[in-house]
Amino acid sequence: MRWLGLAALLLTATAALAQDAAVPAYAPDGKLLFSAGYREWIYLSTDFDLSYADSVPPNAHVFGNVFVNRAAYEGFRKSKAWPDKTVMVLELRGAGGDNPLNKRGQYQAGGAPLGIEMHVKDAAKGGWGFYQFNAAHAPAPLLPKSAACYACHEQHGASDTTFTQFYPTLPN
């Protein structure tokens, strides 16, 4: 019986490592494939109503959950630099508060995320790149280098164009 538990644990760990080793993955046309297992990666932090755009309505409450692939997390913890093939996921979820149990505050609403963005470090693709996925998670094209996210991350990212200043679980 103990062997079955050990075998299941080993199989689970092997599957997680195999999935992690496959990121980032691209379609033949160069678009980034959606990493469906990102919620099994390392959770870095959640922000509430953090926005980089002035156009976001102040009453549209949003949680932003950030995940990173395991190999990148381990690499960063050792060297304080993101290794090649780092994939960071920003998952945007609406806020809920309309529940009879809730007397005060907000919680993450269920259902599909409002949006998913990935920040990928891939030397073969020219370094860091940004990708936005649609609701169907179709392969996403690289956002043009003229997109505002590149300049903002370059100017304000605490570590290698990433906002590690918002991730208290990472060493600075």
N, C-alpha and C. Protein backbone atom coordinates (compact mmCIF):
# COMPACT_ATOMS: atom_id res chain seq x y z
N MET A 1 0.83 -1.19 0.00
CA MET A 1 0.00 0.00 0.00
C MET A 1 0.87 1.26 0.00
N ARG A 2 1.95 1.24 0.78
CA ARG A 2 2.85 2.39 0.82
C ARG A 2 3.48 2.65 -0.54
N TRP A 3 3.74 1.57 -1.27
CA TRP A 3 4.35 1.71 -2.60
C TRP A 3 3.40 2.43 -3.55
N LEU A 4 2.11 2.17 -3.42
CA LEU A 4 1.14 2.85 -4.29
C LEU A 4 1.14 4.34 -4.03
N GLY A 5 1.22 4.74 -2.78
CA GLY A 5 1.27 6.17 -2.43
C GLY A 5 2.53 6.82 -2.95
N LEU A 6 3.66 6.12 -2.80
CA LEU A 6 4.93 6.63 -3.30
C LEU A 6 4.91 6.73 -4.82
N ALA A 7 4.35 5.72 -5.47
CA ALA A 7 4.27 5.74 -6.93
C ALA A 7 3.39 6.89 -7.41
N ALA A 8 2.28 7.14 -6.73
CA ALA A 8 1.39 8.24 -7.11
C ALA A 8 2.09 9.58 -6.92
N LEU A 9 2.82 9.73 -5.84
CA LEU A 9 3.57 10.96 -5.60
C LEU A 9 4.63 11.18 -6.67
N LEU A 10 5.35 10.14 -7.01
CA LEU A 10 6.38 10.23 -8.04
C LEU A 10 5.78 10.56 -9.40
N LEU A 11 4.65 9.94 -9.73
CA LEU A 11 3.98 10.22 -10.99
C LEU A 11 3.50 11.67 -11.05
N THR A 12 2.96 12.17 -9.96
CA THR A 12 2.50 13.56 -9.90
C THR A 12 3.68 14.52 -10.07
N ALA A 13 4.77 14.27 -9.36
CA ALA A 13 5.95 15.13 -9.46
C ALA A 13 6.53 15.09 -10.86
N THR A 14 6.59 13.92 -11.47
CA THR A 14 7.11 13.78 -12.82
C THR A 14 6.25 14.54 -13.81
N ALA A 15 4.94 14.44 -13.67
CA ALA A 15 4.03 15.16 -14.57
C ALA A 15 4.20 16.66 -14.43
N ALA A 16 4.35 17.14 -13.20
CA ALA A 16 4.54 18.58 -12.98
C ALA A 16 5.84 19.06 -13.59
N LEU A 17 6.91 18.28 -13.42
CA LEU A 17 8.19 18.67 -13.99
C LEU A 17 8.15 18.63 -15.52
N ALA A 18 7.51 17.63 -16.08
CA ALA A 18 7.42 17.53 -17.53
C ALA A 18 6.63 18.70 -18.10
N GLN A 19 5.55 19.06 -17.43
CA GLN A 19 4.75 20.19 -17.89
C GLN A 19 5.55 21.48 -17.79
N ASP A 20 6.28 21.65 -16.69
CA ASP A 20 7.07 22.84 -16.48
C ASP A 20 8.20 22.94 -17.49
N ALA A 21 8.79 21.81 -17.85
CA ALA A 21 9.89 21.81 -18.80
C ALA A 21 9.44 22.23 -20.19
N ALA A 22 8.15 22.11 -20.47
CA ALA A 22 7.64 22.41 -21.79
C ALA A 22 7.36 23.89 -22.00
N VAL A 23 7.54 24.73 -21.00
CA VAL A 23 7.24 26.14 -21.16
C VAL A 23 8.50 26.93 -21.44
N PRO A 24 8.43 27.95 -22.22
CA PRO A 24 7.31 28.30 -23.07
C PRO A 24 7.24 27.41 -24.31
N ALA A 25 6.05 27.22 -24.82
CA ALA A 25 5.84 26.41 -26.03
C ALA A 25 5.12 27.28 -27.05
N TYR A 26 5.47 27.09 -28.29
CA TYR A 26 4.96 27.93 -29.37
C TYR A 26 4.30 27.10 -30.47
N ALA A 27 3.31 27.70 -31.10
CA ALA A 27 2.69 27.12 -32.28
C ALA A 27 3.65 27.29 -33.46
N PRO A 28 3.45 26.57 -34.55
CA PRO A 28 4.34 26.70 -35.70
C PRO A 28 4.46 28.14 -36.23
N ASP A 29 3.42 28.96 -36.03
CA ASP A 29 3.47 30.35 -36.50
C ASP A 29 4.16 31.29 -35.50
N GLY A 30 4.70 30.74 -34.40
CA GLY A 30 5.42 31.54 -33.43
C GLY A 30 4.59 32.08 -32.29
N LYS A 31 3.28 31.88 -32.33
CA LYS A 31 2.43 32.35 -31.23
C LYS A 31 2.64 31.47 -30.01
N LEU A 32 2.53 32.09 -28.83
CA LEU A 32 2.70 31.38 -27.58
C LEU A 32 1.47 30.52 -27.30
N LEU A 33 1.72 29.27 -26.93
CA LEU A 33 0.64 28.38 -26.55
C LEU A 33 0.28 28.63 -25.09
N PHE A 34 -0.99 28.52 -24.79
CA PHE A 34 -1.49 28.73 -23.44
C PHE A 34 -0.98 27.62 -22.52
N SER A 35 -0.47 27.98 -21.37
CA SER A 35 0.01 27.02 -20.37
C SER A 35 -1.13 26.70 -19.42
N ALA A 36 -1.92 25.70 -19.76
CA ALA A 36 -3.13 25.39 -19.01
C ALA A 36 -2.88 25.03 -17.56
N GLY A 37 -1.73 24.49 -17.23
CA GLY A 37 -1.44 24.08 -15.86
C GLY A 37 -0.80 25.15 -15.00
N TYR A 38 -0.89 26.40 -15.40
CA TYR A 38 -0.20 27.47 -14.65
C TYR A 38 -0.65 27.57 -13.20
N ARG A 39 -1.85 27.16 -12.89
CA ARG A 39 -2.32 27.25 -11.50
C ARG A 39 -1.62 26.24 -10.60
N GLU A 40 -0.88 25.31 -11.18
CA GLU A 40 -0.08 24.35 -10.43
C GLU A 40 1.35 24.85 -10.23
N TRP A 41 1.67 26.00 -10.79
CA TRP A 41 3.00 26.58 -10.67
C TRP A 41 3.14 27.27 -9.31
N ILE A 42 4.17 28.05 -9.17
CA ILE A 42 4.43 28.76 -7.92
C ILE A 42 3.60 30.05 -7.90
N TYR A 43 2.81 30.18 -6.87
CA TYR A 43 2.01 31.39 -6.66
C TYR A 43 2.90 32.45 -6.03
N LEU A 44 2.96 33.63 -6.63
CA LEU A 44 3.80 34.71 -6.10
C LEU A 44 3.04 35.72 -5.27
N SER A 45 1.87 36.14 -5.74
CA SER A 45 1.17 37.19 -5.01
C SER A 45 -0.18 37.45 -5.66
N THR A 46 -1.00 38.22 -4.94
CA THR A 46 -2.27 38.72 -5.48
C THR A 46 -2.34 40.20 -5.18
N ASP A 47 -2.67 40.97 -6.21
CA ASP A 47 -2.91 42.40 -5.97
C ASP A 47 -4.42 42.63 -6.03
N PHE A 48 -4.84 43.75 -5.50
CA PHE A 48 -6.25 44.13 -5.54
C PHE A 48 -6.33 45.53 -6.12
N ASP A 49 -6.97 45.63 -7.27
CA ASP A 49 -7.18 46.91 -7.96
C ASP A 49 -5.90 47.59 -8.41
N LEU A 50 -4.81 46.84 -8.52
CA LEU A 50 -3.58 47.41 -9.06
C LEU A 50 -3.77 47.57 -10.56
N SER A 51 -3.52 48.76 -11.06
CA SER A 51 -3.69 49.01 -12.48
C SER A 51 -2.60 49.94 -12.97
N TYR A 52 -2.16 49.69 -14.17
CA TYR A 52 -1.14 50.52 -14.79
C TYR A 52 -1.78 51.49 -15.78
N ALA A 53 -3.09 51.42 -15.92
CA ALA A 53 -3.79 52.27 -16.89
C ALA A 53 -4.71 53.24 -16.17
N ASP A 54 -4.73 54.47 -16.64
CA ASP A 54 -5.62 55.48 -16.06
C ASP A 54 -7.07 55.27 -16.47
N SER A 55 -7.30 54.48 -17.49
CA SER A 55 -8.64 54.34 -18.05
C SER A 55 -9.51 53.31 -17.33
N VAL A 56 -8.98 52.61 -16.33
CA VAL A 56 -9.76 51.60 -15.64
C VAL A 56 -10.74 52.29 -14.69
N PRO A 57 -12.03 51.96 -14.81
CA PRO A 57 -13.02 52.58 -13.91
C PRO A 57 -12.71 52.25 -12.45
N PRO A 58 -12.82 53.24 -11.55
CA PRO A 58 -12.46 53.01 -10.15
C PRO A 58 -13.36 52.00 -9.44
N ASN A 59 -14.56 51.73 -9.95
CA ASN A 59 -15.46 50.80 -9.29
C ASN A 59 -15.39 49.39 -9.89
N ALA A 60 -14.49 49.15 -10.83
CA ALA A 60 -14.33 47.83 -11.43
C ALA A 60 -13.22 47.10 -10.67
N HIS A 61 -13.57 46.49 -9.56
CA HIS A 61 -12.58 45.84 -8.71
C HIS A 61 -12.06 44.56 -9.36
N VAL A 62 -10.73 44.42 -9.33
CA VAL A 62 -10.08 43.27 -9.96
C VAL A 62 -8.94 42.78 -9.08
N PHE A 63 -8.85 41.45 -8.96
CA PHE A 63 -7.72 40.79 -8.33
C PHE A 63 -6.76 40.34 -9.42
N GLY A 64 -5.48 40.47 -9.19
CA GLY A 64 -4.48 39.98 -10.13
C GLY A 64 -3.60 38.95 -9.44
N ASN A 65 -3.73 37.69 -9.84
CA ASN A 65 -2.93 36.60 -9.28
C ASN A 65 -1.72 36.36 -10.18
N VAL A 66 -0.55 36.23 -9.58
CA VAL A 66 0.67 36.05 -10.35
C VAL A 66 1.28 34.68 -10.03
N PHE A 67 1.60 33.95 -11.09
CA PHE A 67 2.22 32.62 -10.98
C PHE A 67 3.48 32.62 -11.84
N VAL A 68 4.43 31.76 -11.49
CA VAL A 68 5.65 31.60 -12.29
C VAL A 68 5.96 30.10 -12.36
N ASN A 69 6.53 29.68 -13.50
CA ASN A 69 6.89 28.27 -13.62
C ASN A 69 7.96 27.90 -12.60
N ARG A 70 7.91 26.65 -12.15
CA ARG A 70 8.76 26.19 -11.05
C ARG A 70 10.25 26.35 -11.31
N ALA A 71 10.70 26.01 -12.51
CA ALA A 71 12.13 26.09 -12.80
C ALA A 71 12.61 27.54 -12.70
N ALA A 72 11.81 28.46 -13.16
CA ALA A 72 12.19 29.88 -13.08
C ALA A 72 12.23 30.34 -11.63
N TYR A 73 11.26 29.92 -10.84
CA TYR A 73 11.22 30.28 -9.43
C TYR A 73 12.48 29.79 -8.71
N GLU A 74 12.83 28.53 -8.94
CA GLU A 74 14.03 27.98 -8.30
C GLU A 74 15.28 28.74 -8.75
N GLY A 75 15.34 29.05 -10.05
CA GLY A 75 16.48 29.81 -10.56
C GLY A 75 16.58 31.18 -9.94
N PHE A 76 15.45 31.86 -9.80
CA PHE A 76 15.46 33.20 -9.20
C PHE A 76 15.86 33.14 -7.73
N ARG A 77 15.37 32.16 -7.02
CA ARG A 77 15.70 32.04 -5.59
C ARG A 77 17.20 31.85 -5.40
N LYS A 78 17.85 31.16 -6.33
CA LYS A 78 19.29 30.90 -6.20
C LYS A 78 20.13 32.09 -6.65
N SER A 79 19.73 32.74 -7.72
CA SER A 79 20.61 33.76 -8.33
C SER A 79 20.06 35.19 -8.29
N LYS A 80 18.77 35.33 -7.91
CA LYS A 80 18.08 36.62 -7.93
C LYS A 80 18.02 37.21 -9.34
N ALA A 81 18.05 36.31 -10.33
CA ALA A 81 17.86 36.68 -11.73
C ALA A 81 16.95 35.64 -12.37
N TRP A 82 16.06 36.10 -13.23
CA TRP A 82 15.15 35.17 -13.90
C TRP A 82 15.90 34.45 -15.01
N PRO A 83 15.85 33.11 -15.01
CA PRO A 83 16.54 32.37 -16.06
C PRO A 83 15.76 32.41 -17.38
N ASP A 84 16.46 32.06 -18.44
CA ASP A 84 15.79 31.92 -19.73
C ASP A 84 14.68 30.89 -19.59
N LYS A 85 13.60 31.10 -20.29
CA LYS A 85 12.39 30.25 -20.29
C LYS A 85 11.49 30.53 -19.09
N THR A 86 11.68 31.67 -18.43
CA THR A 86 10.77 32.07 -17.36
C THR A 86 9.42 32.43 -17.99
N VAL A 87 8.35 31.95 -17.37
CA VAL A 87 7.00 32.33 -17.77
C VAL A 87 6.27 32.80 -16.53
N MET A 88 5.83 34.05 -16.56
CA MET A 88 5.03 34.60 -15.47
C MET A 88 3.61 34.81 -16.00
N VAL A 89 2.64 34.44 -15.20
CA VAL A 89 1.23 34.55 -15.60
C VAL A 89 0.54 35.54 -14.69
N LEU A 90 -0.16 36.48 -15.29
CA LEU A 90 -1.04 37.39 -14.55
C LEU A 90 -2.46 36.99 -14.89
N GLU A 91 -3.16 36.50 -13.88
CA GLU A 91 -4.55 36.06 -14.03
C GLU A 91 -5.43 37.12 -13.38
N LEU A 92 -6.30 37.73 -14.16
CA LEU A 92 -7.18 38.79 -13.65
C LEU A 92 -8.56 38.20 -13.34
N ARG A 93 -9.02 38.45 -12.13
CA ARG A 93 -10.34 37.95 -11.71
C ARG A 93 -11.15 39.08 -11.11
N GLY A 94 -12.42 39.05 -11.39
CA GLY A 94 -13.33 40.03 -10.82
C GLY A 94 -13.49 39.84 -9.33
N ALA A 95 -13.92 40.90 -8.68
CA ALA A 95 -14.16 40.86 -7.24
C ALA A 95 -15.63 40.60 -6.98
N GLY A 96 -15.90 39.81 -5.95
CA GLY A 96 -17.25 39.55 -5.51
C GLY A 96 -17.44 40.08 -4.10
N GLY A 97 -18.66 40.30 -3.74
CA GLY A 97 -18.95 40.75 -2.40
C GLY A 97 -20.40 40.47 -2.06
N ASP A 98 -21.14 40.05 -3.08
CA ASP A 98 -22.58 39.83 -2.93
C ASP A 98 -22.84 38.37 -2.54
N ASN A 99 -22.66 38.09 -1.26
CA ASN A 99 -22.91 36.77 -0.73
C ASN A 99 -23.44 36.95 0.68
N PRO A 100 -24.50 36.22 1.05
CA PRO A 100 -25.08 36.41 2.39
C PRO A 100 -24.08 36.20 3.53
N LEU A 101 -23.06 35.38 3.31
CA LEU A 101 -22.06 35.16 4.35
C LEU A 101 -21.11 36.34 4.50
N ASN A 102 -20.96 37.11 3.45
CA ASN A 102 -20.00 38.20 3.44
C ASN A 102 -20.62 39.45 4.09
N LYS A 103 -20.01 39.89 5.15
CA LYS A 103 -20.47 41.10 5.85
C LYS A 103 -19.62 42.31 5.48
N ARG A 104 -18.41 42.06 5.00
CA ARG A 104 -17.51 43.15 4.69
C ARG A 104 -16.41 42.63 3.77
N GLY A 105 -15.95 43.45 2.86
CA GLY A 105 -14.81 43.10 2.02
C GLY A 105 -15.16 42.46 0.70
N GLN A 106 -14.14 42.08 -0.01
CA GLN A 106 -14.26 41.51 -1.35
C GLN A 106 -13.55 40.16 -1.40
N TYR A 107 -13.96 39.32 -2.30
CA TYR A 107 -13.29 38.05 -2.55
C TYR A 107 -13.22 37.84 -4.05
N GLN A 108 -12.40 36.90 -4.48
CA GLN A 108 -12.28 36.64 -5.90
C GLN A 108 -13.52 35.90 -6.40
N ALA A 109 -14.11 36.46 -7.43
CA ALA A 109 -15.31 35.86 -8.00
C ALA A 109 -14.95 34.58 -8.75
N GLY A 110 -15.87 33.66 -8.76
CA GLY A 110 -15.68 32.40 -9.48
C GLY A 110 -15.84 32.60 -10.98
N GLY A 111 -15.77 31.50 -11.67
CA GLY A 111 -15.91 31.54 -13.11
C GLY A 111 -14.57 31.76 -13.80
N ALA A 112 -14.65 32.00 -15.06
CA ALA A 112 -13.44 32.18 -15.87
C ALA A 112 -12.76 33.49 -15.52
N PRO A 113 -11.44 33.53 -15.62
CA PRO A 113 -10.73 34.79 -15.41
C PRO A 113 -11.17 35.86 -16.40
N LEU A 114 -11.06 37.11 -16.00
CA LEU A 114 -11.38 38.23 -16.90
C LEU A 114 -10.32 38.38 -17.98
N GLY A 115 -9.12 37.95 -17.68
CA GLY A 115 -8.04 38.04 -18.65
C GLY A 115 -6.83 37.28 -18.15
N ILE A 116 -5.97 36.88 -19.08
CA ILE A 116 -4.72 36.21 -18.74
C ILE A 116 -3.63 36.78 -19.63
N GLU A 117 -2.56 37.21 -18.97
CA GLU A 117 -1.40 37.74 -19.67
C GLU A 117 -0.18 36.95 -19.25
N MET A 118 0.76 36.80 -20.15
CA MET A 118 2.00 36.10 -19.83
C MET A 118 3.19 36.97 -20.21
N HIS A 119 4.16 36.98 -19.32
CA HIS A 119 5.42 37.71 -19.49
C HIS A 119 6.48 36.62 -19.59
N VAL A 120 7.11 36.50 -20.74
CA VAL A 120 7.98 35.37 -21.04
C VAL A 120 9.39 35.84 -21.36
N LYS A 121 10.36 35.19 -20.72
CA LYS A 121 11.76 35.46 -21.03
C LYS A 121 12.27 34.31 -21.89
N ASP A 122 12.54 34.62 -23.14
CA ASP A 122 12.99 33.60 -24.08
C ASP A 122 14.04 34.21 -25.00
N ALA A 123 15.28 33.85 -24.77
CA ALA A 123 16.39 34.41 -25.56
C ALA A 123 16.20 34.17 -27.05
N ALA A 124 15.61 33.03 -27.40
CA ALA A 124 15.39 32.71 -28.82
C ALA A 124 14.37 33.65 -29.46
N LYS A 125 13.58 34.34 -28.64
CA LYS A 125 12.57 35.27 -29.14
C LYS A 125 12.97 36.72 -28.87
N GLY A 126 14.19 36.96 -28.45
CA GLY A 126 14.66 38.32 -28.22
C GLY A 126 14.57 38.80 -26.79
N GLY A 127 14.42 37.90 -25.84
CA GLY A 127 14.35 38.30 -24.43
C GLY A 127 12.92 38.31 -23.93
N TRP A 128 12.61 39.28 -23.09
CA TRP A 128 11.27 39.36 -22.49
C TRP A 128 10.23 39.76 -23.52
N GLY A 129 9.07 39.12 -23.43
CA GLY A 129 7.95 39.45 -24.31
C GLY A 129 6.64 39.33 -23.55
N PHE A 130 5.63 40.02 -24.06
CA PHE A 130 4.30 40.01 -23.44
C PHE A 130 3.29 39.40 -24.40
N TYR A 131 2.37 38.64 -23.83
CA TYR A 131 1.33 37.96 -24.59
C TYR A 131 0.01 38.10 -23.84
N GLN A 132 -1.07 38.38 -24.56
CA GLN A 132 -2.40 38.44 -23.96
C GLN A 132 -3.26 37.35 -24.60
N PHE A 133 -3.92 36.57 -23.75
CA PHE A 133 -4.75 35.47 -24.23
C PHE A 133 -6.21 35.87 -24.23
N ASN A 134 -6.93 35.40 -25.24
CA ASN A 134 -8.37 35.64 -25.28
C ASN A 134 -9.08 34.59 -24.44
N ALA A 135 -10.39 34.70 -24.34
CA ALA A 135 -11.17 33.81 -23.49
C ALA A 135 -11.06 32.35 -23.90
N ALA A 136 -10.81 32.08 -25.18
CA ALA A 136 -10.68 30.71 -25.67
C ALA A 136 -9.26 30.17 -25.50
N HIS A 137 -8.35 31.01 -25.02
CA HIS A 137 -6.94 30.64 -24.82
C HIS A 137 -6.26 30.23 -26.11
N ALA A 138 -6.66 30.85 -27.20
CA ALA A 138 -6.02 30.59 -28.49
C ALA A 138 -4.57 31.04 -28.41
N PRO A 139 -3.67 30.44 -29.19
CA PRO A 139 -2.28 30.88 -29.19
C PRO A 139 -2.20 32.40 -29.37
N ALA A 140 -1.33 33.02 -28.58
CA ALA A 140 -1.27 34.49 -28.54
C ALA A 140 -0.01 35.00 -29.24
N PRO A 141 -0.17 36.06 -30.04
CA PRO A 141 1.01 36.66 -30.68
C PRO A 141 1.78 37.51 -29.67
N LEU A 142 3.06 37.68 -29.93
CA LEU A 142 3.89 38.57 -29.14
C LEU A 142 3.38 39.99 -29.33
N LEU A 143 3.17 40.70 -28.22
CA LEU A 143 2.77 42.10 -28.34
C LEU A 143 3.93 42.89 -28.93
N PRO A 144 3.64 43.87 -29.75
CA PRO A 144 4.73 44.65 -30.36
C PRO A 144 5.56 45.36 -29.30
N LYS A 145 6.85 45.51 -29.57
CA LYS A 145 7.76 46.15 -28.62
C LYS A 145 7.38 47.60 -28.34
N SER A 146 6.50 48.17 -29.15
CA SER A 146 6.03 49.53 -28.93
C SER A 146 4.90 49.59 -27.88
N ALA A 147 4.39 48.44 -27.44
CA ALA A 147 3.34 48.41 -26.42
C ALA A 147 3.86 49.02 -25.12
N ALA A 148 3.01 49.72 -24.42
CA ALA A 148 3.39 50.44 -23.20
C ALA A 148 3.96 49.54 -22.12
N CYS A 149 3.58 48.27 -22.10
CA CYS A 149 4.05 47.38 -21.04
C CYS A 149 5.57 47.23 -21.05
N TYR A 150 6.18 47.24 -22.23
CA TYR A 150 7.64 47.09 -22.29
C TYR A 150 8.36 48.25 -21.61
N ALA A 151 7.99 49.47 -21.94
CA ALA A 151 8.65 50.64 -21.35
C ALA A 151 8.38 50.71 -19.85
N CYS A 152 7.17 50.43 -19.44
CA CYS A 152 6.83 50.49 -18.02
C CYS A 152 7.65 49.47 -17.23
N HIS A 153 7.71 48.24 -17.72
CA HIS A 153 8.48 47.21 -17.02
C HIS A 153 9.96 47.53 -17.01
N GLU A 154 10.46 48.09 -18.10
CA GLU A 154 11.88 48.46 -18.18
C GLU A 154 12.20 49.55 -17.16
N GLN A 155 11.32 50.53 -17.02
CA GLN A 155 11.56 51.66 -16.12
C GLN A 155 11.30 51.34 -14.65
N HIS A 156 10.31 50.49 -14.39
CA HIS A 156 9.86 50.32 -13.01
C HIS A 156 10.05 48.92 -12.43
N GLY A 157 10.41 47.94 -13.24
CA GLY A 157 10.62 46.59 -12.73
C GLY A 157 11.82 46.55 -11.80
N ALA A 158 11.65 45.99 -10.63
CA ALA A 158 12.72 45.94 -9.63
C ALA A 158 13.79 44.90 -9.99
N SER A 159 13.40 43.85 -10.69
CA SER A 159 14.35 42.78 -11.04
C SER A 159 14.11 42.33 -12.48
N ASP A 160 15.06 42.64 -13.34
CA ASP A 160 15.02 42.12 -14.71
C ASP A 160 13.68 42.40 -15.38
N THR A 161 13.24 43.62 -15.33
CA THR A 161 11.97 44.11 -15.90
C THR A 161 10.72 43.47 -15.28
N THR A 162 10.85 42.87 -14.11
CA THR A 162 9.67 42.31 -13.45
C THR A 162 9.40 43.05 -12.15
N PHE A 163 8.17 43.07 -11.74
CA PHE A 163 7.74 43.82 -10.56
C PHE A 163 7.88 42.98 -9.29
N THR A 164 9.09 42.51 -9.03
CA THR A 164 9.30 41.71 -7.83
C THR A 164 9.04 42.50 -6.55
N GLN A 165 9.01 43.82 -6.65
CA GLN A 165 8.69 44.63 -5.47
C GLN A 165 7.27 44.36 -4.97
N PHE A 166 6.43 43.75 -5.81
CA PHE A 166 5.06 43.42 -5.41
C PHE A 166 4.92 41.95 -5.02
N TYR A 167 6.01 41.20 -4.98
CA TYR A 167 5.97 39.77 -4.67
C TYR A 167 6.73 39.53 -3.37
N PRO A 168 6.08 39.63 -2.23
CA PRO A 168 6.79 39.54 -0.94
C PRO A 168 7.40 38.18 -0.67
N THR A 169 7.03 37.16 -1.41
CA THR A 169 7.58 35.83 -1.18
C THR A 169 8.92 35.63 -1.86
N LEU A 170 9.37 36.58 -2.66
CA LEU A 170 10.65 36.47 -3.36
C LEU A 170 11.72 37.26 -2.63
N PRO A 171 12.96 36.77 -2.67
CA PRO A 171 14.04 37.56 -2.08
C PRO A 171 14.35 38.78 -2.93
N ASN A 172 14.68 39.89 -2.32
CA ASN A 172 15.03 41.10 -3.08
C ASN A 172 16.53 41.27 -3.11
